[in-house]
């Protein structure tokens, strides 16, 4: 029974992808939404990287509070560098390794604020705004499957994993920005991320039920060490998808 439900859920997600990516009407709608809201631009990318989406973008992301948990974005992916790793603890993100062109999935529902390759260091990049003002970042992708202004659902493929930008081997660079700070997404991920040896990379799973940052969840201001300080050129509002 549980297996049947999982297969049904996958079919639903694939149907959403077909309808939203392949439909010219949906593409025009996303482009018009991006132009109206000012998404997909250098200014939009800068605000999203800072973790300060405009109120209109948050409203467009959907009603309700922020997500309580995040979907682990790469099915079968292996947890690599974690939050706070690297020189002086400057890697304020999570790296997930997987074979080239593995599907990268949206960690939660929302609206695509940026999809392009105009942010130095990140390569092909997707930024998604979620209800409540959260922003998730998906970097180093081989190709993009969404465009700015497009609404996405939790689990929907948004890119194919790659090695673009400044990247050592194929992996996804994943960030979670909340109220201007970068937070460790790994305790919020479901299923919990696992290391190459199969052991969990998380000692204490958490859910953000509302209110202040949950006890034990680390959040830090962006220092510029985990990625770029901002985009280097403007991409069109309808950038993407780059194809399957």
Protein backbone atom coordinates (compact mmCIF):
# COMPACT_ATOMS: atom_id res chain seq x y z
CA UNK A 1 0.00 0.00 0.00
CA UNK A 2 2.75 2.42 0.97
CA UNK A 3 4.68 1.57 -2.21
CA UNK A 4 1.59 2.24 -4.32
CA UNK A 5 1.12 5.64 -2.71
CA UNK A 6 4.74 6.55 -3.40
CA UNK A 7 4.40 5.56 -7.06
CA UNK A 8 1.21 7.61 -7.32
CA UNK A 9 2.96 10.63 -5.78
CA UNK A 10 5.77 10.34 -8.33
CA UNK A 11 3.28 10.17 -11.17
CA UNK A 12 1.55 13.32 -9.90
CA UNK A 13 4.88 15.19 -9.70
CA UNK A 14 5.79 14.13 -13.24
CA UNK A 15 2.39 15.28 -14.50
CA UNK A 16 2.97 18.67 -12.87
CA UNK A 17 6.36 18.90 -14.57
CA UNK A 18 4.89 18.11 -17.99
CA UNK A 19 2.10 20.62 -17.60
CA UNK A 20 4.24 23.44 -16.21
CA UNK A 21 7.39 23.04 -18.30
CA UNK A 22 6.05 21.84 -21.62
CA UNK A 23 2.97 24.03 -21.88
CA UNK A 24 3.53 27.23 -23.89
CA UNK A 25 0.67 28.82 -22.00
CA UNK A 26 2.33 28.07 -18.67
CA UNK A 27 5.63 29.43 -20.02
CA UNK A 28 4.00 32.69 -21.10
CA UNK A 29 2.22 32.95 -17.77
CA UNK A 30 5.48 32.48 -15.85
CA UNK A 31 7.25 35.06 -18.00
CA UNK A 32 4.46 37.60 -17.52
CA UNK A 33 4.48 36.97 -13.75
CA UNK A 34 8.25 37.42 -13.62
CA UNK A 35 8.09 40.69 -15.54
CA UNK A 36 5.25 42.00 -13.37
CA UNK A 37 7.02 41.12 -10.11
CA UNK A 38 10.55 41.93 -11.21
CA UNK A 39 11.85 38.38 -10.87
CA UNK A 40 14.73 36.87 -12.83
CA UNK A 41 16.80 40.06 -12.79
CA UNK A 42 20.13 40.99 -11.21
CA UNK A 43 18.33 43.03 -8.57
CA UNK A 44 16.05 40.10 -7.73
CA UNK A 45 18.96 37.68 -7.44
CA UNK A 46 20.81 40.07 -5.12
CA UNK A 47 17.83 40.41 -2.80
CA UNK A 48 17.26 36.66 -2.76
CA UNK A 49 20.92 35.95 -1.99
CA UNK A 50 20.65 38.35 0.93
CA UNK A 51 17.60 36.46 2.21
CA UNK A 52 15.29 39.47 1.88
CA UNK A 53 12.62 38.72 -0.75
CA UNK A 54 10.11 41.46 -1.47
CA UNK A 55 6.68 41.08 0.23
CA UNK A 56 5.03 40.74 -3.20
CA UNK A 57 7.29 37.78 -3.99
CA UNK A 58 6.43 36.09 -0.72
CA UNK A 59 2.71 36.54 -1.42
CA UNK A 60 3.19 35.10 -4.90
CA UNK A 61 4.93 32.07 -3.38
CA UNK A 62 1.70 30.93 -1.75
CA UNK A 63 -0.45 31.37 1.30
CA UNK A 64 0.35 30.17 4.77
CA UNK A 65 3.41 29.95 6.97
CA UNK A 66 6.87 28.80 6.02
CA UNK A 67 7.54 25.05 5.57
CA UNK A 68 8.10 23.01 8.71
CA UNK A 69 10.56 20.69 6.98
CA UNK A 70 12.41 20.52 3.66
CA UNK A 71 12.49 17.68 1.17
CA UNK A 72 15.98 16.27 0.64
CA UNK A 73 16.48 17.66 -2.88
CA UNK A 74 18.50 14.85 -4.51
CA UNK A 75 17.05 11.35 -4.31
CA UNK A 76 19.93 8.95 -3.61
CA UNK A 77 22.37 11.84 -3.06
CA UNK A 78 25.28 11.62 -0.62
CA UNK A 79 25.90 14.27 2.02
CA UNK A 80 29.27 16.00 1.48
CA UNK A 81 30.45 19.26 3.01
CA UNK A 82 28.11 20.48 5.69
CA UNK A 83 27.06 23.80 7.17
CA UNK A 84 30.02 25.50 8.86
CA UNK A 85 32.68 23.35 7.19
CA UNK A 86 35.65 24.78 5.34
CA UNK A 87 38.09 27.53 6.18
CA UNK A 88 36.92 29.53 9.20
CA UNK A 89 33.59 27.71 9.01
CA UNK A 90 32.64 29.75 5.96
CA UNK A 91 30.71 27.06 4.07
CA UNK A 92 27.22 28.10 5.12
CA UNK A 93 25.53 25.54 2.91
CA UNK A 94 25.16 21.81 2.29
CA UNK A 95 26.79 19.95 -0.61
CA UNK A 96 25.08 16.83 -1.97
CA UNK A 97 26.95 14.55 -4.38
CA UNK A 98 25.25 12.42 -7.04
CA UNK A 99 25.82 11.33 -10.64
CA UNK A 100 25.76 13.99 -13.33
CA UNK A 101 22.31 15.11 -14.44
CA UNK A 102 20.50 13.54 -11.48
CA UNK A 103 17.22 15.39 -10.97
CA UNK A 104 17.29 18.17 -8.39
CA UNK A 105 13.94 18.64 -6.66
CA UNK A 106 12.34 21.66 -5.00
CA UNK A 107 12.72 21.36 -1.23
CA UNK A 108 9.32 23.02 -0.77
CA UNK A 109 6.63 24.69 -2.82
CA UNK A 110 7.01 28.29 -3.93
CA UNK A 111 7.87 30.53 -6.87
CA UNK A 112 11.10 30.62 -8.86
CA UNK A 113 12.76 33.97 -8.23
CA UNK A 114 15.80 33.41 -10.41
CA UNK A 115 16.96 30.78 -12.91
CA UNK A 116 20.14 31.43 -14.83
CA UNK A 117 23.93 31.46 -14.83
CA UNK A 118 24.59 35.11 -14.00
CA UNK A 119 25.78 34.69 -10.40
CA UNK A 120 29.54 34.29 -10.19
CA UNK A 121 30.67 30.95 -8.76
CA UNK A 122 27.28 29.24 -8.66
CA UNK A 123 27.05 28.20 -12.32
CA UNK A 124 23.51 27.33 -13.38
CA UNK A 125 21.48 28.52 -10.42
CA UNK A 126 17.89 28.33 -9.19
CA UNK A 127 16.53 30.48 -6.36
CA UNK A 128 13.06 29.70 -4.99
CA UNK A 129 10.94 31.90 -2.72
CA UNK A 130 8.70 29.97 -0.30
CA UNK A 131 5.67 30.99 1.79
CA UNK A 132 6.76 32.85 4.89
CA UNK A 133 9.77 34.36 3.13
CA UNK A 134 12.20 31.46 3.10
CA UNK A 135 14.58 31.25 0.14
CA UNK A 136 16.32 28.08 -1.06
CA UNK A 137 19.27 28.04 -3.45
CA UNK A 138 20.33 25.27 -5.85
CA UNK A 139 23.76 25.80 -7.41
CA UNK A 140 26.22 24.19 -9.89
CA UNK A 141 23.46 22.56 -11.96
CA UNK A 142 24.15 21.07 -15.37
CA UNK A 143 20.86 22.41 -16.74
CA UNK A 144 17.73 24.16 -15.51
CA UNK A 145 14.17 22.85 -15.79
CA UNK A 146 12.30 25.93 -14.55
CA UNK A 147 12.12 29.64 -15.29
CA UNK A 148 11.70 32.78 -13.21
CA UNK A 149 8.07 33.39 -12.28
CA UNK A 150 7.14 29.71 -12.43
CA UNK A 151 5.31 28.22 -9.44
CA UNK A 152 6.68 24.89 -8.26
CA UNK A 153 5.52 22.22 -5.85
CA UNK A 154 7.49 20.31 -3.23
CA UNK A 155 9.40 17.54 -4.97
CA UNK A 156 9.10 18.99 -8.46
CA UNK A 157 12.32 18.70 -10.51
CA UNK A 158 13.86 22.14 -11.01
CA UNK A 159 17.28 21.26 -12.45
CA UNK A 160 19.75 18.52 -13.27
CA UNK A 161 22.76 18.18 -11.01
CA UNK A 162 26.08 19.23 -12.48
CA UNK A 163 29.48 20.84 -12.08
CA UNK A 164 29.05 24.37 -13.44
CA UNK A 165 30.60 27.41 -11.79
CA UNK A 166 33.27 26.87 -9.16
CA UNK A 167 32.66 23.21 -8.31
CA UNK A 168 34.88 20.24 -7.50
CA UNK A 169 33.03 17.32 -8.96
CA UNK A 170 29.30 16.94 -9.65
CA UNK A 171 27.23 18.09 -6.68
CA UNK A 172 24.39 20.31 -5.59
CA UNK A 173 25.24 23.35 -3.48
CA UNK A 174 22.12 23.97 -1.37
CA UNK A 175 21.43 26.99 0.84
CA UNK A 176 18.53 28.05 3.07
CA UNK A 177 18.11 31.76 3.77
CA UNK A 178 15.72 32.96 6.47
CA UNK A 179 15.29 36.62 7.48
CA UNK A 180 18.65 37.64 6.10
CA UNK A 181 20.64 34.76 7.56
CA UNK A 182 21.79 31.41 6.23
CA UNK A 183 20.53 28.46 8.27
CA UNK A 184 21.70 24.85 8.37
CA UNK A 185 19.06 23.02 6.30
CA UNK A 186 20.20 19.47 7.09
CA UNK A 187 18.26 18.95 10.38
CA UNK A 188 15.09 20.06 8.57
CA UNK A 189 15.52 17.69 5.62
CA UNK A 190 13.33 14.66 5.12
CA UNK A 191 14.51 12.03 4.59
CA UNK A 192 17.55 12.88 6.70
CA UNK A 193 20.76 13.22 4.67
CA UNK A 194 23.21 10.32 4.84
CA UNK A 195 26.97 10.19 4.37
CA UNK A 196 28.79 7.87 1.99
CA UNK A 197 29.09 5.22 4.71
CA UNK A 198 25.31 5.18 5.08
CA UNK A 199 25.28 6.87 8.49
CA UNK A 200 23.03 9.85 9.10
CA UNK A 201 24.65 13.26 8.79
CA UNK A 202 22.20 14.65 11.36
CA UNK A 203 22.28 13.85 15.07
CA UNK A 204 19.05 15.67 15.96
CA UNK A 205 16.22 16.06 13.42
CA UNK A 206 14.27 19.31 13.74
CA UNK A 207 11.04 20.82 12.49
CA UNK A 208 10.46 24.59 12.38
CA UNK A 209 6.97 24.86 13.83
CA UNK A 210 6.79 28.65 13.74
CA UNK A 211 8.14 31.45 15.85
CA UNK A 212 11.87 31.86 16.54
CA UNK A 213 14.66 29.65 15.25
CA UNK A 214 14.33 26.15 16.75
CA UNK A 215 16.79 25.40 19.52
CA UNK A 216 19.81 23.68 18.08
CA UNK A 217 19.46 25.04 14.54
CA UNK A 218 22.46 27.10 13.51
CA UNK A 219 21.93 30.32 11.53
CA UNK A 220 24.67 32.76 10.50
CA UNK A 221 24.88 36.00 8.50
CA UNK A 222 26.16 35.55 4.95
CA UNK A 223 29.90 36.21 4.97
CA UNK A 224 30.48 35.87 1.24
CA UNK A 225 32.52 32.71 1.77
CA UNK A 226 29.80 30.22 0.94
CA UNK A 227 29.32 31.62 -2.52
CA UNK A 228 29.14 34.81 -4.51
CA UNK A 229 28.24 38.21 -3.13
CA UNK A 230 25.97 38.79 -6.08
CA UNK A 231 25.29 38.32 -9.76
CA UNK A 232 27.72 39.53 -12.40
CA UNK A 233 25.23 40.13 -15.19
CA UNK A 234 21.53 40.32 -15.80
CA UNK A 235 19.64 37.30 -17.12
CA UNK A 236 16.28 37.58 -18.89
CA UNK A 237 13.20 37.08 -16.78
CA UNK A 238 12.25 34.02 -18.77
CA UNK A 239 15.64 32.25 -18.54
CA UNK A 240 15.23 28.46 -18.66
CA UNK A 241 14.37 25.73 -19.02
CA UNK A 242 17.56 24.51 -20.68
CA UNK A 243 16.03 21.18 -21.67
CA UNK A 244 16.00 17.64 -20.41
